[in-house]
Amino acid sequence: MSISVIVTGASGLLGRAVCREIKNNAPLWLVQGLAWSRAAGDLLKVDITCRTSVHELFQRFKVSDCIQCCAVFYIECIFSSTVKVVKVVVTYL
């Protein structure tokens, strides 16, 4: 059984490094990077605060693991969005 991993925040410094490490050191793993504001190339633009989007993503990729590397740039968003994101992602793991 293959391992299918999604990496949130894959356009950022940490997310890019995590994706690169998985691709270089775990060739049997399937990795899909997610981004929002800087989604380009092989990264998918996904709103991880949207339950429907996350559900569809998990179904499509048969996700077995999620590595959370996304960051919040605005302090006001930390309290409202972070808890919501964690609740949405954890629901599908």
Protein backbone atom coordinates (compact mmCIF):
# COMPACT_ATOMS: atom_id res chain seq x y z
CA MET A 1 0.00 0.00 0.00
CA SER A 2 1.46 3.36 -0.99
CA ILE A 3 1.51 6.33 1.32
CA SER A 4 -0.23 9.43 0.01
CA VAL A 5 0.81 12.65 1.75
CA ILE A 6 -0.47 16.19 1.38
CA VAL A 7 1.66 19.10 2.54
CA THR A 8 -0.13 22.35 3.34
CA GLY A 9 1.80 25.57 2.87
CA ALA A 10 3.95 23.94 0.21
CA SER A 11 4.81 27.28 -1.40
CA GLY A 12 6.56 28.49 1.75
CA LEU A 13 10.09 27.84 2.95
CA LEU A 14 9.22 24.95 5.27
CA GLY A 15 6.60 23.39 2.99
CA ARG A 16 8.93 23.42 -0.03
CA ALA A 17 11.67 21.76 2.02
CA VAL A 18 9.29 19.08 3.34
CA CYS A 19 8.03 18.26 -0.17
CA ARG A 20 11.59 18.11 -1.50
CA GLU A 21 12.73 15.79 1.32
CA ILE A 22 9.82 13.42 0.77
CA LYS A 23 10.37 13.32 -3.01
CA ASN A 24 14.13 12.76 -2.61
CA ASN A 25 14.08 10.28 0.28
CA ALA A 26 10.79 8.41 0.03
CA PRO A 27 10.32 7.64 -3.67
CA LEU A 28 7.40 5.29 -3.03
CA TRP A 29 5.40 8.00 -1.29
CA LEU A 30 2.98 10.12 -3.29
CA VAL A 31 3.24 13.74 -2.20
CA GLN A 32 0.97 16.61 -3.18
CA GLY A 33 1.80 20.14 -2.16
CA LEU A 34 -1.02 22.57 -1.37
CA ALA A 35 -0.88 26.34 -1.40
CA TRP A 36 -3.24 29.26 -1.49
CA SER A 37 -1.77 32.66 -2.28
CA ARG A 38 1.29 31.39 -4.18
CA ALA A 39 0.01 28.21 -5.81
CA ALA A 40 1.96 27.57 -9.00
CA GLY A 41 3.55 24.69 -10.87
CA ASP A 42 2.59 21.33 -9.40
CA LEU A 43 1.04 22.87 -6.26
CA LEU A 44 -2.72 22.73 -5.90
CA LYS A 45 -4.62 25.83 -4.87
CA VAL A 46 -6.89 24.66 -2.05
CA ASP A 47 -8.75 26.57 0.64
CA ILE A 48 -8.01 24.34 3.61
CA THR A 49 -10.53 26.21 5.75
CA CYS A 50 -13.33 24.88 3.51
CA ARG A 51 -14.61 21.49 4.70
CA THR A 52 -15.93 20.56 1.24
CA SER A 53 -12.61 21.32 -0.47
CA VAL A 54 -10.68 19.27 2.08
CA HIS A 55 -13.12 16.35 1.82
CA GLU A 56 -12.84 16.31 -1.99
CA LEU A 57 -9.04 16.49 -1.77
CA PHE A 58 -8.84 13.58 0.68
CA GLN A 59 -11.15 11.48 -1.51
CA ARG A 60 -9.28 12.31 -4.72
CA PHE A 61 -5.80 11.54 -3.40
CA LYS A 62 -6.71 8.82 -0.86
CA VAL A 63 -4.69 10.78 1.70
CA SER A 64 -3.04 8.78 4.47
CA ASP A 65 -1.08 11.62 6.07
CA CYS A 66 -1.13 15.42 6.20
CA ILE A 67 1.86 17.56 7.10
CA GLN A 68 0.75 21.02 8.15
CA CYS A 69 3.26 23.72 7.12
CA CYS A 70 0.92 26.61 6.38
CA ALA A 71 1.47 29.95 8.03
CA VAL A 72 -0.77 32.88 8.84
CA PHE A 73 0.45 36.32 7.86
CA TYR A 74 -2.11 38.42 9.66
CA ILE A 75 -2.34 38.27 13.45
CA GLU A 76 -6.13 38.72 13.35
CA CYS A 77 -6.42 35.49 11.34
CA ILE A 78 -4.52 33.35 13.81
CA PHE A 79 -7.32 33.07 16.31
CA SER A 80 -10.13 32.65 13.81
CA SER A 81 -8.53 30.52 11.08
CA THR A 82 -5.95 28.29 12.75
CA VAL A 83 -8.43 26.41 14.94
CA LYS A 84 -10.79 26.05 11.99
CA VAL A 85 -8.06 24.65 9.73
CA VAL A 86 -6.92 22.12 12.32
CA LYS A 87 -10.50 20.97 12.94
CA VAL A 88 -11.19 20.58 9.22
CA VAL A 89 -7.97 18.67 8.44
CA VAL A 90 -8.10 16.43 11.52
CA THR A 91 -11.66 15.43 10.65
CA TYR A 92 -10.41 13.63 7.53
CA LEU A 93 -7.29 11.94 8.92
